[in-house]
C-alpha atoms as a PDB file:
ATOM      1  CA  MET A   1      27.004  47.549-241.068  1.00  0.00           C
ATOM      2  CA  ALA A   2      30.291  46.090-242.264  1.00  0.00           C
ATOM      3  CA  ASP A   3      30.613  46.736-245.973  1.00  0.00           C
ATOM      4  CA  TRP A   4      33.024  47.918-248.619  1.00  0.00           C
ATOM      5  CA  SER A   5      32.475  51.564-247.667  1.00  0.00           C
ATOM      6  CA  ASN A   6      34.184  51.212-244.278  1.00  0.00           C
ATOM      7  CA  VAL A   7      37.822  51.994-243.573  1.00  0.00           C
ATOM      8  CA  SER A   8      39.206  48.469-244.008  1.00  0.00           C
ATOM      9  CA  GLY A   9      37.130  47.884-247.114  1.00  0.00           C
ATOM     10  CA  ASN A  10      38.267  51.124-248.705  1.00  0.00           C
ATOM     11  CA  ARG A  11      41.912  50.431-247.908  1.00  0.00           C
ATOM     12  CA  PHE A  12      41.648  46.857-249.196  1.00  0.00           C
ATOM     13  CA  MET A  13      40.020  47.971-252.445  1.00  0.00           C
ATOM     14  CA  ALA A  14      42.581  50.774-252.860  1.00  0.00           C
ATOM     15  CA  ARG A  15      45.393  48.242-252.316  1.00  0.00           C
ATOM     16  CA  ASP A  16      46.778  50.480-249.593  1.00  0.00           C
ATOM     17  CA  THR A  17      50.310  49.343-248.740  1.00  0.00           C
ATOM     18  CA  GLY A  18      49.957  50.521-245.135  1.00  0.00           C
ATOM     19  CA  TYR A  19      46.855  48.365-244.686  1.00  0.00           C
ATOM     20  CA  PHE A  20      48.568  45.284-246.097  1.00  0.00           C
ATOM     21  CA  ARG A  21      51.764  45.874-244.103  1.00  0.00           C
ATOM     22  CA  HIS A  22      50.256  46.774-240.727  1.00  0.00           C
ATOM     23  CA  ASP A  23      46.796  45.171-240.756  1.00  0.00           C
ATOM     24  CA  GLN A  24      46.075  42.471-243.306  1.00  0.00           C
ATOM     25  CA  TYR A  25      49.552  40.893-243.154  1.00  0.00           C
ATOM     26  CA  ALA A  26      50.891  42.171-239.843  1.00  0.00           C
ATOM     27  CA  SER A  27      50.888  38.512-238.808  1.00  0.00           C
ATOM     28  CA  THR A  28      50.422  35.276-240.745  1.00  0.00           C
ATOM     29  CA  GLU A  29      46.928  34.643-239.330  1.00  0.00           C
ATOM     30  CA  ASN A  30      44.787  35.967-242.195  1.00  0.00           C
ATOM     31  CA  LEU A  31      46.844  34.308-244.904  1.00  0.00           C
ATOM     32  CA  GLU A  32      46.904  31.015-243.032  1.00  0.00           C
ATOM     33  CA  ALA A  33      43.094  31.047-242.733  1.00  0.00           C
ATOM     34  CA  ARG A  34      42.809  31.295-246.511  1.00  0.00           C
ATOM     35  CA  ILE A  35      45.510  28.721-247.164  1.00  0.00           C
ATOM     36  CA  LEU A  36      43.750  26.286-244.827  1.00  0.00           C
ATOM     37  CA  LEU A  37      40.563  26.245-246.887  1.00  0.00           C
ATOM     38  CA  HIS A  38      42.436  25.405-250.087  1.00  0.00           C
ATOM     39  CA  ALA A  39      44.775  22.867-248.485  1.00  0.00           C
ATOM     40  CA  LYS A  40      42.010  21.065-246.602  1.00  0.00           C
ATOM     41  CA  TYR A  41      39.215  21.019-249.180  1.00  0.00           C
ATOM     42  CA  GLY A  42      40.873  21.098-252.604  1.00  0.00           C
ATOM     43  CA  THR A  43      39.629  18.398-254.982  1.00  0.00           C
ATOM     44  CA  SER A  44      42.782  18.047-257.088  1.00  0.00           C
ATOM     45  CA  ASP A  45      45.098  15.069-256.666  1.00  0.00           C
ATOM     46  CA  VAL A  46      47.993  17.466-257.255  1.00  0.00           C
ATOM     47  CA  ASP A  47      49.058  19.942-254.577  1.00  0.00           C
ATOM     48  CA  TRP A  48      49.066  23.567-255.724  1.00  0.00           C
ATOM     49  CA  PHE A  49      52.747  24.101-254.926  1.00  0.00           C
ATOM     50  CA  ASP A  50      53.763  20.824-256.568  1.00  0.00           C
ATOM     51  CA  TRP A  51      51.891  22.012-259.663  1.00  0.00           C
ATOM     52  CA  LEU A  52      53.713  25.355-259.554  1.00  0.00           C
ATOM     53  CA  HIS A  53      57.069  23.604-259.248  1.00  0.00           C
ATOM     54  CA  ALA A  54      56.226  21.342-262.207  1.00  0.00           C
ATOM     55  CA  ASN A  55      55.643  24.422-264.377  1.00  0.00           C
ATOM     56  CA  ILE A  56      59.126  25.821-263.748  1.00  0.00           C
ATOM     57  CA  ASP A  57      62.294  24.869-265.613  1.00  0.00           C
ATOM     58  CA  TRP A  58      64.533  24.587-262.574  1.00  0.00           C
ATOM     59  CA  THR A  59      67.613  23.743-264.629  1.00  0.00           C
ATOM     60  CA  ALA A  60      67.677  27.370-265.832  1.00  0.00           C
ATOM     61  CA  ALA A  61      67.046  28.883-262.397  1.00  0.00           C
ATOM     62  CA  HIS A  62      69.898  29.894-260.124  1.00  0.00           C
ATOM     63  CA  HIS A  63      69.305  33.376-258.729  1.00  0.00           C
ATOM     64  CA  VAL A  64      65.605  33.424-257.854  1.00  0.00           C
ATOM     65  CA  LEU A  65      63.501  36.294-256.519  1.00  0.00           C
ATOM     66  CA  GLU A  66      60.120  35.749-254.891  1.00  0.00           C
ATOM     67  CA  VAL A  67      58.000  38.878-254.495  1.00  0.00           C
ATOM     68  CA  GLY A  68      55.223  38.606-251.936  1.00  0.00           C
ATOM     69  CA  CYS A  69      56.678  35.456-250.377  1.00  0.00           C
ATOM     70  CA  GLY A  70      54.027  35.172-247.662  1.00  0.00           C
ATOM     71  CA  THR A  71      54.862  32.408-245.206  1.00  0.00           C
ATOM     72  CA  GLY A  72      57.263  30.685-247.606  1.00  0.00           C
ATOM     73  CA  LEU A  73      55.120  27.661-248.446  1.00  0.00           C
ATOM     74  CA  PHE A  74      56.440  27.684-251.997  1.00  0.00           C
ATOM     75  CA  TRP A  75      59.815  26.519-250.678  1.00  0.00           C
ATOM     76  CA  SER A  76      58.579  23.709-248.427  1.00  0.00           C
ATOM     77  CA  ALA A  77      58.678  20.849-250.917  1.00  0.00           C
ATOM     78  CA  LEU A  78      60.984  21.585-253.823  1.00  0.00           C
ATOM     79  CA  PRO A  79      61.697  18.879-256.429  1.00  0.00           C
ATOM     80  CA  ASN A  80      64.645  16.639-255.605  1.00  0.00           C
ATOM     81  CA  GLY A  81      68.026  18.183-256.335  1.00  0.00           C
ATOM     82  CA  VAL A  82      66.724  21.689-256.952  1.00  0.00           C
ATOM     83  CA  ASN A  83      67.863  23.120-253.636  1.00  0.00           C
ATOM     84  CA  ASP A  84      71.520  22.338-254.330  1.00  0.00           C
ATOM     85  CA  HIS A  85      72.054  25.179-256.794  1.00  0.00           C
ATOM     86  CA  LEU A  86      69.435  27.786-255.885  1.00  0.00           C
ATOM     87  CA  ARG A  87      70.195  31.212-254.426  1.00  0.00           C
ATOM     88  CA  PRO A  88      66.707  32.519-253.592  1.00  0.00           C
ATOM     89  CA  THR A  89      65.871  35.983-252.277  1.00  0.00           C
ATOM     90  CA  LEU A  90      62.502  36.118-250.512  1.00  0.00           C
ATOM     91  CA  THR A  91      60.760  39.472-250.273  1.00  0.00           C
ATOM     92  CA  ASP A  92      57.495  40.788-248.909  1.00  0.00           C
ATOM     93  CA  LEU A  93      55.940  44.058-247.821  1.00  0.00           C
ATOM     94  CA  SER A  94      55.542  42.568-244.331  1.00  0.00           C
ATOM     95  CA  SER A  95      58.646  41.928-242.242  1.00  0.00           C
ATOM     96  CA  GLY A  96      56.710  39.290-240.294  1.00  0.00           C
ATOM     97  CA  MET A  97      56.043  37.383-243.486  1.00  0.00           C
ATOM     98  CA  VAL A  98      59.690  37.580-244.548  1.00  0.00           C
ATOM     99  CA  ASP A  99      60.842  36.248-241.174  1.00  0.00           C
ATOM    100  CA  ALA A 100      58.374  33.350-241.287  1.00  0.00           C
ATOM    101  CA  ALA A 101      59.254  32.528-244.891  1.00  0.00           C
ATOM    102  CA  VAL A 102      63.011  32.486-244.295  1.00  0.00           C
ATOM    103  CA  VAL A 103      62.636  30.182-241.291  1.00  0.00           C
ATOM    104  CA  ARG A 104      60.507  27.783-243.353  1.00  0.00           C
ATOM    105  CA  ALA A 105      62.776  27.914-246.405  1.00  0.00           C
ATOM    106  CA  ARG A 106      65.892  27.200-244.370  1.00  0.00           C
ATOM    107  CA  SER A 107      64.570  23.680-243.751  1.00  0.00           C
ATOM    108  CA  THR A 108      65.105  22.858-247.431  1.00  0.00           C
ATOM    109  CA  LEU A 109      67.604  25.431-248.736  1.00  0.00           C
ATOM    110  CA  GLN A 110      71.240  26.012-247.936  1.00  0.00           C
ATOM    111  CA  TYR A 111      71.440  29.541-249.338  1.00  0.00           C
ATOM    112  CA  ILE A 112      68.561  31.887-248.585  1.00  0.00           C
ATOM    113  CA  SER A 113      68.063  35.581-247.899  1.00  0.00           C
ATOM    114  CA  GLY A 114      65.054  37.657-246.984  1.00  0.00           C
ATOM    115  CA  VAL A 115      64.377  41.359-247.508  1.00  0.00           C
ATOM    116  CA  THR A 116      61.381  43.513-246.600  1.00  0.00           C
ATOM    117  CA  VAL A 117      60.619  45.468-249.786  1.00  0.00           C
ATOM    118  CA  ASP A 118      57.869  46.943-251.929  1.00  0.00           C
ATOM    119  CA  VAL A 119      57.761  45.236-255.332  1.00  0.00           C
ATOM    120  CA  GLN A 120      57.150  48.667-256.867  1.00  0.00           C
ATOM    121  CA  THR A 121      60.659  49.779-255.823  1.00  0.00           C
ATOM    122  CA  LEU A 122      62.936  46.749-255.783  1.00  0.00           C
ATOM    123  CA  PRO A 123      66.388  47.473-254.282  1.00  0.00           C
ATOM    124  CA  PHE A 124      68.251  45.201-256.704  1.00  0.00           C
ATOM    125  CA  GLY A 125      70.432  45.875-259.710  1.00  0.00           C
ATOM    126  CA  GLY A 126      69.250  45.311-263.247  1.00  0.00           C
ATOM    127  CA  ALA A 127      69.432  41.820-264.760  1.00  0.00           C
ATOM    128  CA  THR A 128      70.081  40.232-261.350  1.00  0.00           C
ATOM    129  CA  PHE A 129      67.722  37.238-261.400  1.00  0.00           C
ATOM    130  CA  ASP A 130      67.036  34.263-263.678  1.00  0.00           C
ATOM    131  CA  LEU A 131      63.552  33.687-262.290  1.00  0.00           C
ATOM    132  CA  VAL A 132      60.964  35.834-260.504  1.00  0.00           C
ATOM    133  CA  ILE A 133      57.993  34.265-258.728  1.00  0.00           C
ATOM    134  CA  ALA A 134      54.874  36.292-257.915  1.00  0.00           C
ATOM    135  CA  ASN A 135      52.423  33.850-256.355  1.00  0.00           C
ATOM    136  CA  HIS A 136      48.926  35.316-255.993  1.00  0.00           C
ATOM    137  CA  MET A 137      50.150  38.796-255.086  1.00  0.00           C
ATOM    138  CA  LEU A 138      50.203  41.207-258.051  1.00  0.00           C
ATOM    139  CA  TYR A 139      46.499  41.969-257.572  1.00  0.00           C
ATOM    140  CA  HIS A 140      47.383  43.459-254.163  1.00  0.00           C
ATOM    141  CA  VAL A 141      49.864  45.970-255.614  1.00  0.00           C
ATOM    142  CA  PRO A 142      48.665  49.608-255.881  1.00  0.00           C
ATOM    143  CA  ASP A 143      50.252  49.970-259.332  1.00  0.00           C
ATOM    144  CA  PRO A 144      50.771  46.584-261.077  1.00  0.00           C
ATOM    145  CA  ARG A 145      52.392  48.294-264.066  1.00  0.00           C
ATOM    146  CA  ARG A 146      55.044  49.798-261.829  1.00  0.00           C
ATOM    147  CA  ALA A 147      55.641  46.379-260.280  1.00  0.00           C
ATOM    148  CA  LEU A 148      55.974  44.721-263.688  1.00  0.00           C
ATOM    149  CA  THR A 149      58.416  47.410-264.780  1.00  0.00           C
ATOM    150  CA  GLU A 150      60.575  46.613-261.759  1.00  0.00           C
ATOM    151  CA  ILE A 151      60.312  42.850-262.261  1.00  0.00           C
ATOM    152  CA  GLN A 152      61.322  43.222-265.900  1.00  0.00           C
ATOM    153  CA  ARG A 153      64.267  45.406-264.880  1.00  0.00           C
ATOM    154  CA  VAL A 154      65.714  42.910-262.394  1.00  0.00           C
ATOM    155  CA  LEU A 155      65.235  39.903-264.684  1.00  0.00           C
ATOM    156  CA  GLN A 156      68.072  38.882-266.956  1.00  0.00           C
ATOM    157  CA  PRO A 157      67.316  38.798-270.694  1.00  0.00           C
ATOM    158  CA  GLY A 158      65.668  35.440-271.262  1.00  0.00           C
ATOM    159  CA  GLY A 159      64.690  35.281-267.585  1.00  0.00           C
ATOM    160  CA  ILE A 160      61.251  34.042-266.618  1.00  0.00           C
ATOM    161  CA  LEU A 161      58.411  35.490-264.552  1.00  0.00           C
ATOM    162  CA  ILE A 162      55.968  33.020-263.012  1.00  0.00           C
ATOM    163  CA  ALA A 163      52.911  34.971-261.873  1.00  0.00           C
ATOM    164  CA  SER A 164      49.956  33.036-260.492  1.00  0.00           C
ATOM    165  CA  THR A 165      46.557  34.655-260.126  1.00  0.00           C
ATOM    166  CA  VAL A 166      42.805  34.095-260.335  1.00  0.00           C
ATOM    167  CA  GLY A 167      40.020  34.397-262.873  1.00  0.00           C
ATOM    168  CA  PRO A 168      36.617  36.097-262.628  1.00  0.00           C
ATOM    169  CA  LYS A 169      34.807  33.000-261.349  1.00  0.00           C
ATOM    170  CA  HIS A 170      37.215  32.349-258.484  1.00  0.00           C
ATOM    171  CA  LEU A 171      35.448  31.691-255.126  1.00  0.00           C
ATOM    172  CA  ARG A 172      32.176  33.088-256.455  1.00  0.00           C
ATOM    173  CA  GLU A 173      30.083  31.046-253.990  1.00  0.00           C
ATOM    174  CA  LEU A 174      31.872  32.703-251.059  1.00  0.00           C
ATOM    175  CA  PHE A 175      31.216  36.153-252.514  1.00  0.00           C
ATOM    176  CA  GLU A 176      27.558  35.181-252.915  1.00  0.00           C
ATOM    177  CA  ILE A 177      27.366  34.390-249.200  1.00  0.00           C
ATOM    178  CA  GLU A 178      28.787  37.804-248.333  1.00  0.00           C
ATOM    179  CA  ALA A 179      26.410  39.514-250.750  1.00  0.00           C
ATOM    180  CA  ARG A 180      23.463  37.827-249.012  1.00  0.00           C
ATOM    181  CA  VAL A 181      24.632  39.062-245.623  1.00  0.00           C
ATOM    182  CA  PHE A 182      25.979  42.529-246.411  1.00  0.00           C
ATOM    183  CA  GLY A 183      23.851  43.373-249.432  1.00  0.00           C
ATOM    184  CA  VAL A 184      26.845  44.709-251.359  1.00  0.00           C
ATOM    185  CA  THR A 185      29.742  43.392-253.382  1.00  0.00           C
ATOM    186  CA  PRO A 186      32.965  45.208-254.259  1.00  0.00           C
ATOM    187  CA  THR A 187      33.112  47.051-257.549  1.00  0.00           C
ATOM    188  CA  GLU A 188      36.568  45.658-258.297  1.00  0.00           C
ATOM    189  CA  ARG A 189      37.753  42.119-257.650  1.00  0.00           C
ATOM    190  CA  GLN A 190      41.304  40.809-257.627  1.00  0.00           C
ATOM    191  CA  ALA A 191      40.778  39.375-261.106  1.00  0.00           C
ATOM    192  CA  ASP A 192      39.994  42.867-262.398  1.00  0.00           C
ATOM    193  CA  VAL A 193      43.320  44.240-261.125  1.00  0.00           C
ATOM    194  CA  PHE A 194      45.594  41.422-262.290  1.00  0.00           C
ATOM    195  CA  GLY A 195      43.756  38.251-263.233  1.00  0.00           C
ATOM    196  CA  ARG A 196      43.491  35.532-265.819  1.00  0.00           C
ATOM    197  CA  VAL A 197      42.002  37.927-268.377  1.00  0.00           C
ATOM    198  CA  SER A 198      43.329  41.345-267.333  1.00  0.00           C
ATOM    199  CA  GLY A 199      46.849  40.066-266.632  1.00  0.00           C
ATOM    200  CA  GLN A 200      47.467  38.883-270.182  1.00  0.00           C
ATOM    201  CA  SER A 201      47.351  42.343-271.742  1.00  0.00           C
ATOM    202  CA  LEU A 202      49.356  43.858-268.888  1.00  0.00           C
ATOM    203  CA  LEU A 203      52.145  41.301-269.164  1.00  0.00           C
ATOM    204  CA  GLU A 204      52.357  41.620-272.937  1.00  0.00           C
ATOM    205  CA  GLN A 205      53.374  45.265-272.477  1.00  0.00           C
ATOM    206  CA  TYR A 206      56.552  44.199-270.644  1.00  0.00           C
ATOM    207  CA  PHE A 207      57.336  40.601-271.610  1.00  0.00           C
ATOM    208  CA  SER A 208      57.370  38.222-274.563  1.00  0.00           C
ATOM    209  CA  ASP A 209      55.908  34.709-274.910  1.00  0.00           C
ATOM    210  CA  VAL A 210      53.172  35.260-272.328  1.00  0.00           C
ATOM    211  CA  THR A 211      51.187  32.056-271.780  1.00  0.00           C
ATOM    212  CA  TRP A 212      48.457  31.053-269.311  1.00  0.00           C
ATOM    213  CA  ARG A 213      48.223  27.626-267.650  1.00  0.00           C
ATOM    214  CA  GLN A 214      45.043  26.681-265.778  1.00  0.00           C
ATOM    215  CA  PHE A 215      44.990  24.752-262.493  1.00  0.00           C
ATOM    216  CA  ASP A 216      42.030  22.362-262.439  1.00  0.00           C
ATOM    217  CA  GLU A 217      40.513  22.276-258.965  1.00  0.00           C
ATOM    218  CA  ALA A 218      37.468  23.183-256.843  1.00  0.00           C
ATOM    219  CA  LEU A 219      36.736  23.161-253.106  1.00  0.00           C
ATOM    220  CA  ARG A 220      34.236  20.998-251.229  1.00  0.00           C
ATOM    221  CA  CYS A 221      34.028  22.503-247.751  1.00  0.00           C
ATOM    222  CA  THR A 222      32.423  20.587-244.900  1.00  0.00           C
ATOM    223  CA  ASP A 223      33.214  22.718-241.836  1.00  0.00           C
ATOM    224  CA  VAL A 224      31.404  26.020-241.323  1.00  0.00           C
ATOM    225  CA  ASP A 225      34.155  27.322-239.023  1.00  0.00           C
ATOM    226  CA  ASP A 226      36.776  26.945-241.747  1.00  0.00           C
ATOM    227  CA  VAL A 227      34.649  28.867-244.229  1.00  0.00           C
ATOM    228  CA  ILE A 228      33.958  31.624-241.702  1.00  0.00           C
ATOM    229  CA  GLY A 229      37.694  31.818-240.938  1.00  0.00           C
ATOM    230  CA  HIS A 230      38.379  32.376-244.631  1.00  0.00           C
ATOM    231  CA  LEU A 231      35.620  34.954-245.023  1.00  0.00           C
ATOM    232  CA  THR A 232      36.632  36.996-241.985  1.00  0.00           C
ATOM    233  CA  SER A 233      40.250  37.222-243.154  1.00  0.00           C
ATOM    234  CA  THR A 234      39.308  40.014-245.601  1.00  0.00           C
ATOM    235  CA  PRO A 235      36.683  42.777-245.845  1.00  0.00           C
ATOM    236  CA  PRO A 236      33.767  43.038-245.653  1.00  0.00           C
ATOM    237  CA  SER A 237      33.500  40.048-243.283  1.00  0.00           C
ATOM    238  CA  GLU A 238      36.708  41.152-241.560  1.00  0.00           C
ATOM    239  CA  ASP A 239      34.686  43.917-239.872  1.00  0.00           C
ATOM    240  CA  ALA A 240      31.438  42.008-239.374  1.00  0.00           C
ATOM    241  CA  THR A 241      29.355  42.777-236.298  1.00  0.00           C
ATOM    242  CA  PRO A 242      28.347  39.890-233.990  1.00  0.00           C
ATOM    243  CA  GLU A 243      24.929  39.857-235.649  1.00  0.00           C
ATOM    244  CA  GLU A 244      26.458  39.715-239.110  1.00  0.00           C
ATOM    245  CA  LEU A 245      28.748  36.871-238.054  1.00  0.00           C
ATOM    246  CA  VAL A 246      25.669  34.903-237.006  1.00  0.00           C
ATOM    247  CA  ARG A 247      24.090  35.567-240.389  1.00  0.00           C
ATOM    248  CA  LEU A 248      27.278  34.483-242.176  1.00  0.00           C
ATOM    249  CA  ARG A 249      27.261  31.257-240.198  1.00  0.00           C
ATOM    250  CA  VAL A 250      23.581  30.599-240.885  1.00  0.00           C
ATOM    251  CA  GLU A 251      23.929  31.297-244.607  1.00  0.00           C
ATOM    252  CA  THR A 252      27.027  29.088-244.885  1.00  0.00           C
ATOM    253  CA  GLY A 253      25.398  26.282-242.902  1.00  0.00           C
ATOM    254  CA  GLN A 254      22.266  26.392-245.049  1.00  0.00           C
ATOM    255  CA  ARG A 255      24.305  26.168-248.231  1.00  0.00           C
ATOM    256  CA  MET A 256      26.157  23.164-246.865  1.00  0.00           C
ATOM    257  CA  LEU A 257      22.840  21.553-245.972  1.00  0.00           C
ATOM    258  CA  ASP A 258      21.511  22.236-249.459  1.00  0.00           C
ATOM    259  CA  GLY A 259      24.677  20.671-250.861  1.00  0.00           C
ATOM    260  CA  GLY A 260      24.223  17.436-248.954  1.00  0.00           C
ATOM    261  CA  GLY A 261      26.747  18.321-246.275  1.00  0.00           C
ATOM    262  CA  SER A 262      29.314  20.206-248.325  1.00  0.00           C
ATOM    263  CA  LEU A 263      29.693  23.646-249.868  1.00  0.00           C
ATOM    264  CA  TYR A 264      30.996  23.550-253.427  1.00  0.00           C
ATOM    265  CA  VAL A 265      33.277  26.497-254.196  1.00  0.00           C
ATOM    266  CA  THR A 266      34.523  27.278-257.683  1.00  0.00           C
ATOM    267  CA  LYS A 267      38.239  27.802-258.174  1.00  0.00           C
ATOM    268  CA  ASP A 268      39.474  29.695-261.198  1.00  0.00           C
ATOM    269  CA  CYS A 269      43.236  30.046-260.944  1.00  0.00           C
ATOM    270  CA  GLY A 270      46.508  29.268-262.630  1.00  0.00           C
ATOM    271  CA  LEU A 271      49.720  30.947-263.699  1.00  0.00           C
ATOM    272  CA  PHE A 272      51.242  33.133-266.345  1.00  0.00           C
ATOM    273  CA  ARG A 273      54.654  32.325-267.711  1.00  0.00           C
ATOM    274  CA  ALA A 274      56.360  35.352-269.259  1.00  0.00           C
ATOM    275  CA  GLU A 275      59.873  35.865-270.607  1.00  0.00           C
ATOM    276  CA  ARG A 276      62.006  38.984-270.621  1.00  0.00           C
ATOM    277  CA  ALA A 277      62.951  39.480-274.224  1.00  0.00           C
ATOM    278  CA  PHE A 278      66.572  39.629-275.341  1.00  0.00           C
ATOM    279  CA  SER A 279      67.658  43.007-276.646  1.00  0.00           C
ATOM    280  CA  THR A 280      67.348  43.354-280.380  1.00  0.00           C
END
């Protein structure tokens, strides 16, 4: 039975860097399956990345660091005029992600660099960046405090961290489907590691003026295959047996039928804005 006690589940829950580098994010496939569900079925009139961009003061950003850049979608549609003065450095634990992100970013940016790094040990000098972006990634880090220490170190005084994450209700209907099939749920969710509630107190240990901004959206999914693709991109569904995959499909299909042809999925996400204090 595929559950959170198997190898992948244990490594996922432990935020094992080897698992994320060589398995979960060895290619862009898993991430793209999750992005698809949000891009295709989001109910907001505002695109997630447009909303992120609107919450950044780009006039104060010049040297920008993105940690956990993924496939580089953040850089696909920057506000007009922003790309003229930016010097972004894109980083990720996965070299495949860095390569994909740099290729994508080069379509909109003149100056771009990519480095494969662990956010817990950033190879940059102190006070190097005006802005650090951590988009839905700090909950994957084995030691978020160590990562925040490094981010604070490389930010200039007065520099800004934009860290997006999720709350405790995020995607709860999808977790309910897995619980019906596998009979178990993980003891620790992403929101417990670094989320809307837990992240506030963590950030306040390293930064000043920590504020949360909520993104108002839900999902209304109408294709079972898309939902299954999302579910099987992470444990426990990642390791589902053929029989369990059938049960996932049946449970998802029934919930869509009960919903009049669509599966409503709660989204609970947004961003923290935090500032590195000036020395006193």
